[in-house]
Protein backbone atom coordinates (compact mmCIF):
# COMPACT_ATOMS: atom_id res chain seq x y z
CA MET A 1 -0.05 -0.04 0.00
CA LYS A 2 1.39 3.41 -1.04
CA LYS A 3 1.42 6.32 1.21
CA PRO A 4 -1.15 8.34 -0.60
CA GLU A 5 -3.59 5.47 0.13
CA LEU A 6 -3.02 5.77 3.57
CA VAL A 7 -4.49 9.47 3.61
CA PRO A 8 -8.05 8.58 3.59
CA ILE A 9 -7.56 5.89 6.28
CA GLY A 10 -6.06 8.56 8.55
CA LEU A 11 -8.64 11.16 7.69
CA GLY A 12 -11.38 8.66 8.37
CA ILE A 13 -9.94 7.66 11.84
CA ALA A 14 -9.28 11.39 12.65
CA VAL A 15 -12.94 12.44 11.79
CA ALA A 16 -14.37 9.47 13.75
CA SER A 17 -12.16 10.09 16.70
CA PHE A 18 -13.26 13.85 16.64
CA LEU A 19 -16.73 13.32 16.35
CA THR A 20 -16.63 10.62 19.28
CA TRP A 21 -14.68 12.88 21.50
CA HIS A 22 -17.28 15.74 20.79
CA ALA A 23 -20.20 13.53 21.39
CA TYR A 24 -18.82 12.28 24.86
CA TYR A 25 -17.51 15.96 25.73
CA SER A 26 -20.89 17.64 24.72
CA ASN A 27 -22.99 14.98 26.76
CA SER A 28 -20.92 15.33 29.89
CA HIS A 29 -20.49 19.09 29.75
CA HIS A 30 -23.90 20.01 28.53
CA THR A 31 -22.70 21.92 25.46
CA PRO A 32 -24.21 22.38 21.91
CA GLN A 33 -24.14 19.14 19.88
CA ILE A 34 -23.40 18.71 16.27
CA SER A 35 -26.46 17.89 14.08
CA GLU A 36 -27.05 13.99 13.94
CA ILE A 37 -27.09 14.16 10.11
CA VAL A 38 -23.21 15.07 10.25
CA TYR A 39 -22.56 11.94 12.42
CA LEU A 40 -24.39 9.72 9.95
CA VAL A 41 -22.82 11.30 6.86
CA LEU A 42 -19.16 11.37 8.17
CA PHE A 43 -19.24 8.67 10.64
CA PRO A 44 -21.96 6.16 9.52
CA GLY A 45 -20.56 3.59 12.16
CA SER A 46 -21.59 5.81 15.04
CA ILE A 47 -25.05 4.32 14.87
CA GLY A 48 -23.11 1.43 16.49
CA PHE A 49 -22.70 3.50 19.55
CA MET A 50 -26.19 2.22 20.74
CA ALA A 51 -24.53 -1.10 21.52
CA ALA A 52 -22.36 0.40 23.89
CA ASP A 53 -25.22 1.85 26.13
CA ASN A 54 -25.28 -1.06 28.58
CA ALA A 55 -21.49 -2.15 28.04
CA SER A 56 -18.76 -2.26 30.55
CA PRO A 57 -16.06 0.48 30.38
CA PHE A 58 -13.64 -2.18 28.65
CA GLU A 59 -16.34 -3.04 26.09
CA GLN A 60 -17.17 0.51 25.54
CA ILE A 61 -13.55 1.11 24.56
CA PHE A 62 -13.36 -1.82 22.37
CA ILE A 63 -16.51 -0.72 20.63
CA VAL A 64 -15.20 2.74 20.05
CA LEU A 65 -11.88 1.47 18.76
CA LEU A 66 -13.61 -0.96 16.33
CA LEU A 67 -16.02 1.63 14.95
CA VAL A 68 -13.37 4.27 14.50
CA SER A 69 -11.13 1.75 12.67
CA VAL A 70 -14.22 0.67 10.57
CA ASN A 71 -14.63 4.34 9.55
CA GLY A 72 -11.14 4.51 8.35
CA ALA A 73 -11.57 1.51 6.23
CA LEU A 74 -14.81 2.95 4.84
CA TYR A 75 -12.99 6.13 3.83
CA TRP A 76 -10.35 4.06 2.21
CA VAL A 77 -13.05 2.13 -0.06
CA ALA A 78 -14.89 5.33 -0.84
CA TRP A 79 -11.47 6.61 -2.02
CA LEU A 80 -10.79 3.61 -3.96
CA LEU A 81 -14.17 3.90 -5.66
CA LEU A 82 -13.80 7.51 -6.50
CA ARG A 83 -10.19 6.96 -7.74
CA ASN A 84 -11.34 4.27 -10.18
CA LEU A 85 -14.51 6.00 -11.06
CA PHE A 86 -12.79 9.11 -12.04
CA ASP A 87 -9.53 7.48 -13.23
CA TRP A 88 -7.43 9.10 -10.71
CA ALA A 89 -4.88 6.16 -10.82
CA GLU A 90 -1.18 7.05 -11.00
CA ARG A 91 0.62 6.77 -14.33
CA PRO A 92 3.95 5.01 -14.43
């Protein structure tokens, strides 16, 4: 895997991590929240956080790490689809 292909993975992980942090922070500090549509568009796996409602702290950490990683993989797949659709492949 080439370095440019790692960019969408890092971006997906960064977006998911920020949205996860913001959700937990805004819930605990009662600050304004980001619209739910933003979560569903930028972090579709966030719907899986409902599975963590009654989980132990260890299970919650595992679920968050899993969903953040899946978001990185989704961004990578989306990047591959867009690259192939618009013929953005590198030329030798």
